[in-house]
Amino acid sequence: MAHDYVPVPAEDADVVGILAYSSLAFMTRLAKDGEQAPSFEAHVEHARMSAQCYALYRQLEVWSQHRGFDLMAAAEVFSRTYDDLDARTRPTTFAERSVKTFITRGMLGDMMLRVAQTHKLFEGMEDVWPFEQGHWVRAHLGPRIEEDPQLAARLSLWGRRVAGEALGLVRATLFTYPTLAATPENADAITEYVIARHGERMRDIHLKA
């Protein structure tokens, strides 16, 4: 028996678009991180995480095809969204690179999770979005930071710089695309959630937010 799929409402288009574009953006980010990884094992693990990002994009493609939704057009709207953040936060070490991805993936992911929940879309996305990168950083970089106060101080400073840029991007995105949060009150609540979760994640890897 054929399944009748409900067309995507106009107010949900940007939600699907930013999720799709972001999955590809982090696919590329994790692949680049893997190229700079200090070991072949780490390279393989980052390649696996990158592949998970593309798998999410493919899921969104299938979801969109069932509903007659132009995913590529919706995602293209956001195709330059992360350029300024990347340009202003160039890492110089693999540790900085990993912390940058840890922070941006987390903060932007939290924004998109709350946006999807606001629109009642993609239940369970929180189990998919992390792509295991957070677990990798906690397991491989966290212990080094805990044992090395100088490294902790340097990466905390770097992390604050990255987080400032990422938070600015969260606010700008919610302002530029108001259908994402649906209301100004939701936008404020999403921003506060992003800030709170960021602090928790930084403590998890022994850095100061």
C-alpha atoms as a PDB file:
ATOM      1  CA  MET A   1       0.000   0.000   0.000  1.00  0.00           C
ATOM      2  CA  ALA A   2       1.428   3.369  -1.030  1.00  0.00           C
ATOM      3  CA  HIS A   3       2.181   5.863   1.697  1.00  0.00           C
ATOM      4  CA  ASP A   4       0.713   9.338   1.345  1.00  0.00           C
ATOM      5  CA  TYR A   5       3.358  11.904   2.254  1.00  0.00           C
ATOM      6  CA  VAL A   6       2.358  15.401   3.292  1.00  0.00           C
ATOM      7  CA  PRO A   7       4.098  18.134   1.237  1.00  0.00           C
ATOM      8  CA  VAL A   8       6.660  20.240   3.081  1.00  0.00           C
ATOM      9  CA  PRO A   9       5.073  23.472   4.385  1.00  0.00           C
ATOM     10  CA  ALA A  10       6.777  26.687   3.303  1.00  0.00           C
ATOM     11  CA  GLU A  11       7.727  27.522   6.893  1.00  0.00           C
ATOM     12  CA  ASP A  12       9.697  24.248   7.146  1.00  0.00           C
ATOM     13  CA  ALA A  13      11.741  24.735   3.967  1.00  0.00           C
ATOM     14  CA  ASP A  14      14.606  26.612   5.615  1.00  0.00           C
ATOM     15  CA  VAL A  15      14.791  24.036   8.410  1.00  0.00           C
ATOM     16  CA  VAL A  16      15.317  21.204   5.952  1.00  0.00           C
ATOM     17  CA  GLY A  17      17.674  23.334   3.878  1.00  0.00           C
ATOM     18  CA  ILE A  18      20.021  24.280   6.696  1.00  0.00           C
ATOM     19  CA  LEU A  19      20.132  20.702   7.966  1.00  0.00           C
ATOM     20  CA  ALA A  20      21.034  19.428   4.516  1.00  0.00           C
ATOM     21  CA  TYR A  21      23.671  22.052   3.858  1.00  0.00           C
ATOM     22  CA  SER A  22      25.172  21.662   7.326  1.00  0.00           C
ATOM     23  CA  SER A  23      25.473  17.905   6.961  1.00  0.00           C
ATOM     24  CA  LEU A  24      27.585  18.465   3.837  1.00  0.00           C
ATOM     25  CA  ALA A  25      29.582  21.265   5.455  1.00  0.00           C
ATOM     26  CA  PHE A  26      30.538  19.030   8.364  1.00  0.00           C
ATOM     27  CA  MET A  27      31.235  16.148   6.001  1.00  0.00           C
ATOM     28  CA  THR A  28      33.886  18.355   4.414  1.00  0.00           C
ATOM     29  CA  ARG A  29      35.135  19.651   7.768  1.00  0.00           C
ATOM     30  CA  LEU A  30      35.633  16.180   9.228  1.00  0.00           C
ATOM     31  CA  ALA A  31      37.342  14.952   6.065  1.00  0.00           C
ATOM     32  CA  LYS A  32      39.778  17.879   6.247  1.00  0.00           C
ATOM     33  CA  ASP A  33      40.372  17.191   9.936  1.00  0.00           C
ATOM     34  CA  GLY A  34      41.185  13.611   9.020  1.00  0.00           C
ATOM     35  CA  GLU A  35      43.778  14.745   6.487  1.00  0.00           C
ATOM     36  CA  GLN A  36      45.623  16.542   9.300  1.00  0.00           C
ATOM     37  CA  ALA A  37      45.184  13.760  11.871  1.00  0.00           C
ATOM     38  CA  PRO A  38      48.329  12.679  13.750  1.00  0.00           C
ATOM     39  CA  SER A  39      47.784   8.971  13.080  1.00  0.00           C
ATOM     40  CA  PHE A  40      46.320   6.761  10.395  1.00  0.00           C
ATOM     41  CA  GLU A  41      43.801   5.415  12.900  1.00  0.00           C
ATOM     42  CA  ALA A  42      42.551   8.944  13.588  1.00  0.00           C
ATOM     43  CA  HIS A  43      42.394   9.586   9.839  1.00  0.00           C
ATOM     44  CA  VAL A  44      40.180   6.532   9.374  1.00  0.00           C
ATOM     45  CA  GLU A  45      37.943   7.496  12.297  1.00  0.00           C
ATOM     46  CA  HIS A  46      37.418  10.984  10.874  1.00  0.00           C
ATOM     47  CA  ALA A  47      36.685   9.517   7.440  1.00  0.00           C
ATOM     48  CA  ARG A  48      34.022   7.352   9.064  1.00  0.00           C
ATOM     49  CA  MET A  49      32.490  10.377  10.783  1.00  0.00           C
ATOM     50  CA  SER A  50      32.551  12.278   7.504  1.00  0.00           C
ATOM     51  CA  ALA A  51      30.708   9.418   5.820  1.00  0.00           C
ATOM     52  CA  GLN A  52      28.030   9.587   8.521  1.00  0.00           C
ATOM     53  CA  CYS A  53      27.436  13.219   7.579  1.00  0.00           C
ATOM     54  CA  TYR A  54      26.835  12.244   3.974  1.00  0.00           C
ATOM     55  CA  ALA A  55      24.551   9.431   5.113  1.00  0.00           C
ATOM     56  CA  LEU A  56      22.419  12.032   6.895  1.00  0.00           C
ATOM     57  CA  TYR A  57      22.269  14.099   3.707  1.00  0.00           C
ATOM     58  CA  ARG A  58      21.140  11.029   1.783  1.00  0.00           C
ATOM     59  CA  GLN A  59      18.390  10.415   4.354  1.00  0.00           C
ATOM     60  CA  LEU A  60      17.216  13.982   3.855  1.00  0.00           C
ATOM     61  CA  GLU A  61      17.290  13.437   0.088  1.00  0.00           C
ATOM     62  CA  VAL A  62      15.021  10.406   0.344  1.00  0.00           C
ATOM     63  CA  TRP A  63      12.726  12.214   2.793  1.00  0.00           C
ATOM     64  CA  SER A  64      12.491  15.146   0.366  1.00  0.00           C
ATOM     65  CA  GLN A  65      11.910  12.987  -2.707  1.00  0.00           C
ATOM     66  CA  HIS A  66       8.928  11.337  -1.038  1.00  0.00           C
ATOM     67  CA  ARG A  67       7.413  14.772  -0.454  1.00  0.00           C
ATOM     68  CA  GLY A  68       8.261  16.376  -3.796  1.00  0.00           C
ATOM     69  CA  PHE A  69      10.562  18.841  -2.051  1.00  0.00           C
ATOM     70  CA  ASP A  70      13.517  20.465  -3.848  1.00  0.00           C
ATOM     71  CA  LEU A  71      16.236  19.762  -1.296  1.00  0.00           C
ATOM     72  CA  MET A  72      19.068  21.093  -3.409  1.00  0.00           C
ATOM     73  CA  ALA A  73      17.423  24.481  -3.839  1.00  0.00           C
ATOM     74  CA  ALA A  74      16.628  24.686  -0.129  1.00  0.00           C
ATOM     75  CA  ALA A  75      20.177  23.771   0.877  1.00  0.00           C
ATOM     76  CA  GLU A  76      21.775  26.146  -1.626  1.00  0.00           C
ATOM     77  CA  VAL A  77      20.217  29.087   0.217  1.00  0.00           C
ATOM     78  CA  PHE A  78      22.730  28.424   3.012  1.00  0.00           C
ATOM     79  CA  SER A  79      25.758  27.652   0.839  1.00  0.00           C
ATOM     80  CA  ARG A  80      27.854  30.608   2.089  1.00  0.00           C
ATOM     81  CA  THR A  81      26.650  30.564   5.678  1.00  0.00           C
ATOM     82  CA  TYR A  82      29.826  29.235   7.313  1.00  0.00           C
ATOM     83  CA  ASP A  83      32.434  30.953   5.137  1.00  0.00           C
ATOM     84  CA  ASP A  84      33.119  33.934   7.404  1.00  0.00           C
ATOM     85  CA  LEU A  85      33.402  31.769  10.509  1.00  0.00           C
ATOM     86  CA  ASP A  86      35.959  29.543   8.802  1.00  0.00           C
ATOM     87  CA  ALA A  87      37.914  32.508   7.467  1.00  0.00           C
ATOM     88  CA  ARG A  88      38.188  34.095  10.915  1.00  0.00           C
ATOM     89  CA  THR A  89      39.131  30.923  12.792  1.00  0.00           C
ATOM     90  CA  ARG A  90      42.085  29.324  11.038  1.00  0.00           C
ATOM     91  CA  PRO A  91      43.612  26.614  13.260  1.00  0.00           C
ATOM     92  CA  THR A  92      47.382  26.198  13.418  1.00  0.00           C
ATOM     93  CA  THR A  93      47.528  22.783  15.132  1.00  0.00           C
ATOM     94  CA  PHE A  94      45.502  19.601  15.013  1.00  0.00           C
ATOM     95  CA  ALA A  95      44.351  20.209  18.588  1.00  0.00           C
ATOM     96  CA  GLU A  96      43.011  23.632  17.589  1.00  0.00           C
ATOM     97  CA  ARG A  97      41.364  22.086  14.540  1.00  0.00           C
ATOM     98  CA  SER A  98      39.650  19.429  16.654  1.00  0.00           C
ATOM     99  CA  VAL A  99      38.451  21.950  19.237  1.00  0.00           C
ATOM    100  CA  LYS A 100      37.107  24.198  16.475  1.00  0.00           C
ATOM    101  CA  THR A 101      35.083  21.352  14.995  1.00  0.00           C
ATOM    102  CA  PHE A 102      33.980  20.255  18.477  1.00  0.00           C
ATOM    103  CA  ILE A 103      32.665  23.743  19.246  1.00  0.00           C
ATOM    104  CA  THR A 104      31.102  24.627  15.898  1.00  0.00           C
ATOM    105  CA  ARG A 105      29.529  21.213  15.393  1.00  0.00           C
ATOM    106  CA  GLY A 106      28.117  21.391  18.898  1.00  0.00           C
ATOM    107  CA  MET A 107      26.788  24.946  18.878  1.00  0.00           C
ATOM    108  CA  LEU A 108      25.350  24.857  15.378  1.00  0.00           C
ATOM    109  CA  GLY A 109      24.025  21.367  15.988  1.00  0.00           C
ATOM    110  CA  ASP A 110      22.233  22.506  19.142  1.00  0.00           C
ATOM    111  CA  MET A 111      20.684  25.380  17.213  1.00  0.00           C
ATOM    112  CA  MET A 112      19.445  23.047  14.490  1.00  0.00           C
ATOM    113  CA  LEU A 113      18.189  20.489  16.995  1.00  0.00           C
ATOM    114  CA  ARG A 114      16.047  23.107  18.725  1.00  0.00           C
ATOM    115  CA  VAL A 115      14.876  24.506  15.402  1.00  0.00           C
ATOM    116  CA  ALA A 116      13.807  21.042  14.241  1.00  0.00           C
ATOM    117  CA  GLN A 117      11.999  20.466  17.531  1.00  0.00           C
ATOM    118  CA  THR A 118      10.214  23.800  17.153  1.00  0.00           C
ATOM    119  CA  HIS A 119       8.907  22.636  13.789  1.00  0.00           C
ATOM    120  CA  LYS A 120       8.244  19.078  15.031  1.00  0.00           C
ATOM    121  CA  LEU A 121      10.579  17.681  12.390  1.00  0.00           C
ATOM    122  CA  PHE A 122      12.995  14.732  12.444  1.00  0.00           C
ATOM    123  CA  GLU A 123      12.356  13.297  15.876  1.00  0.00           C
ATOM    124  CA  GLY A 124      15.486  11.614  17.199  1.00  0.00           C
ATOM    125  CA  MET A 125      17.875  13.892  15.308  1.00  0.00           C
ATOM    126  CA  GLU A 126      19.908  14.353  18.497  1.00  0.00           C
ATOM    127  CA  ASP A 127      21.000  10.715  18.156  1.00  0.00           C
ATOM    128  CA  VAL A 128      22.328  11.321  14.637  1.00  0.00           C
ATOM    129  CA  TRP A 129      23.792  14.803  14.527  1.00  0.00           C
ATOM    130  CA  PRO A 130      26.940  14.475  16.714  1.00  0.00           C
ATOM    131  CA  PHE A 131      28.622  12.128  14.173  1.00  0.00           C
ATOM    132  CA  GLU A 132      30.742  10.806  17.078  1.00  0.00           C
ATOM    133  CA  GLN A 133      33.235  13.690  16.833  1.00  0.00           C
ATOM    134  CA  GLY A 134      32.435  14.801  20.362  1.00  0.00           C
ATOM    135  CA  HIS A 135      33.129  11.321  21.693  1.00  0.00           C
ATOM    136  CA  TRP A 136      36.421  11.267  19.812  1.00  0.00           C
ATOM    137  CA  VAL A 137      37.575  14.594  21.261  1.00  0.00           C
ATOM    138  CA  ARG A 138      36.592  13.600  24.790  1.00  0.00           C
ATOM    139  CA  ALA A 139      38.449  10.295  24.488  1.00  0.00           C
ATOM    140  CA  HIS A 140      41.590  11.445  22.674  1.00  0.00           C
ATOM    141  CA  LEU A 141      42.076  15.141  23.387  1.00  0.00           C
ATOM    142  CA  GLY A 142      40.346  15.493  26.760  1.00  0.00           C
ATOM    143  CA  PRO A 143      42.947  13.496  28.736  1.00  0.00           C
ATOM    144  CA  ARG A 144      45.807  15.490  27.184  1.00  0.00           C
ATOM    145  CA  ILE A 145      44.141  18.760  28.147  1.00  0.00           C
ATOM    146  CA  GLU A 146      43.545  17.549  31.696  1.00  0.00           C
ATOM    147  CA  GLU A 147      47.222  16.659  32.126  1.00  0.00           C
ATOM    148  CA  ASP A 148      48.700  19.792  30.509  1.00  0.00           C
ATOM    149  CA  PRO A 149      47.730  23.163  32.065  1.00  0.00           C
ATOM    150  CA  GLN A 150      49.496  25.122  29.319  1.00  0.00           C
ATOM    151  CA  LEU A 151      47.607  23.261  26.609  1.00  0.00           C
ATOM    152  CA  ALA A 152      44.368  23.784  28.533  1.00  0.00           C
ATOM    153  CA  ALA A 153      44.993  27.526  28.806  1.00  0.00           C
ATOM    154  CA  ARG A 154      45.882  27.883  25.129  1.00  0.00           C
ATOM    155  CA  LEU A 155      42.927  25.843  23.895  1.00  0.00           C
ATOM    156  CA  SER A 156      40.538  27.620  26.278  1.00  0.00           C
ATOM    157  CA  LEU A 157      41.578  30.941  24.752  1.00  0.00           C
ATOM    158  CA  TRP A 158      41.227  29.516  21.255  1.00  0.00           C
ATOM    159  CA  GLY A 159      37.886  27.987  22.170  1.00  0.00           C
ATOM    160  CA  ARG A 160      36.516  31.307  23.375  1.00  0.00           C
ATOM    161  CA  ARG A 161      37.468  32.886  20.070  1.00  0.00           C
ATOM    162  CA  VAL A 162      35.786  30.128  18.063  1.00  0.00           C
ATOM    163  CA  ALA A 163      32.715  30.126  20.305  1.00  0.00           C
ATOM    164  CA  GLY A 164      32.323  33.881  19.938  1.00  0.00           C
ATOM    165  CA  GLU A 165      32.263  33.540  16.170  1.00  0.00           C
ATOM    166  CA  ALA A 166      29.915  30.551  16.308  1.00  0.00           C
ATOM    167  CA  LEU A 167      27.508  32.291  18.676  1.00  0.00           C
ATOM    168  CA  GLY A 168      27.478  35.335  16.414  1.00  0.00           C
ATOM    169  CA  LEU A 169      26.616  33.033  13.528  1.00  0.00           C
ATOM    170  CA  VAL A 170      23.799  31.402  15.495  1.00  0.00           C
ATOM    171  CA  ARG A 171      22.268  34.791  16.263  1.00  0.00           C
ATOM    172  CA  ALA A 172      22.724  36.063  12.711  1.00  0.00           C
ATOM    173  CA  THR A 173      21.212  32.915  11.205  1.00  0.00           C
ATOM    174  CA  LEU A 174      18.131  33.032  13.419  1.00  0.00           C
ATOM    175  CA  PHE A 175      17.701  36.736  12.595  1.00  0.00           C
ATOM    176  CA  THR A 176      18.276  36.381   8.843  1.00  0.00           C
ATOM    177  CA  TYR A 177      15.976  33.365   8.508  1.00  0.00           C
ATOM    178  CA  PRO A 178      13.159  34.089  10.982  1.00  0.00           C
ATOM    179  CA  THR A 179      11.115  31.049   9.962  1.00  0.00           C
ATOM    180  CA  LEU A 180      13.751  28.847  11.632  1.00  0.00           C
ATOM    181  CA  ALA A 181      12.817  29.869  15.170  1.00  0.00           C
ATOM    182  CA  ALA A 182       9.260  30.937  14.237  1.00  0.00           C
ATOM    183  CA  THR A 183       9.150  33.672  16.911  1.00  0.00           C
ATOM    184  CA  PRO A 184      11.656  36.108  18.482  1.00  0.00           C
ATOM    185  CA  GLU A 185      11.005  34.463  21.844  1.00  0.00           C
ATOM    186  CA  ASN A 186      11.976  31.084  20.419  1.00  0.00           C
ATOM    187  CA  ALA A 187      15.128  32.609  18.930  1.00  0.00           C
ATOM    188  CA  ASP A 188      16.143  33.934  22.348  1.00  0.00           C
ATOM    189  CA  ALA A 189      15.426  30.581  23.997  1.00  0.00           C
ATOM    190  CA  ILE A 190      17.410  28.701  21.350  1.00  0.00           C
ATOM    191  CA  THR A 191      20.369  31.039  21.802  1.00  0.00           C
ATOM    192  CA  GLU A 192      20.329  30.558  25.575  1.00  0.00           C
ATOM    193  CA  TYR A 193      20.193  26.798  25.111  1.00  0.00           C
ATOM    194  CA  VAL A 194      23.171  26.906  22.737  1.00  0.00           C
ATOM    195  CA  ILE A 195      25.202  28.926  25.267  1.00  0.00           C
ATOM    196  CA  ALA A 196      24.361  26.582  28.148  1.00  0.00           C
ATOM    197  CA  ARG A 197      25.160  23.412  26.223  1.00  0.00           C
ATOM    198  CA  HIS A 198      28.431  24.885  24.987  1.00  0.00           C
ATOM    199  CA  GLY A 199      29.558  25.480  28.557  1.00  0.00           C
ATOM    200  CA  GLU A 200      28.751  21.883  29.468  1.00  0.00           C
ATOM    201  CA  ARG A 201      30.718  20.511  26.526  1.00  0.00           C
ATOM    202  CA  MET A 202      33.753  22.639  27.286  1.00  0.00           C
ATOM    203  CA  ARG A 203      33.805  21.391  30.868  1.00  0.00           C
ATOM    204  CA  ASP A 204      33.646  17.841  29.534  1.00  0.00           C
ATOM    205  CA  ILE A 205      37.034  18.330  27.864  1.00  0.00           C
ATOM    206  CA  HIS A 206      38.529  20.400  30.723  1.00  0.00           C
ATOM    207  CA  LEU A 207      38.396  23.763  28.950  1.00  0.00           C
ATOM    208  CA  LYS A 208      37.023  27.085  30.172  1.00  0.00           C
ATOM    209  CA  ALA A 209      34.180  28.536  28.124  1.00  0.00           C
END
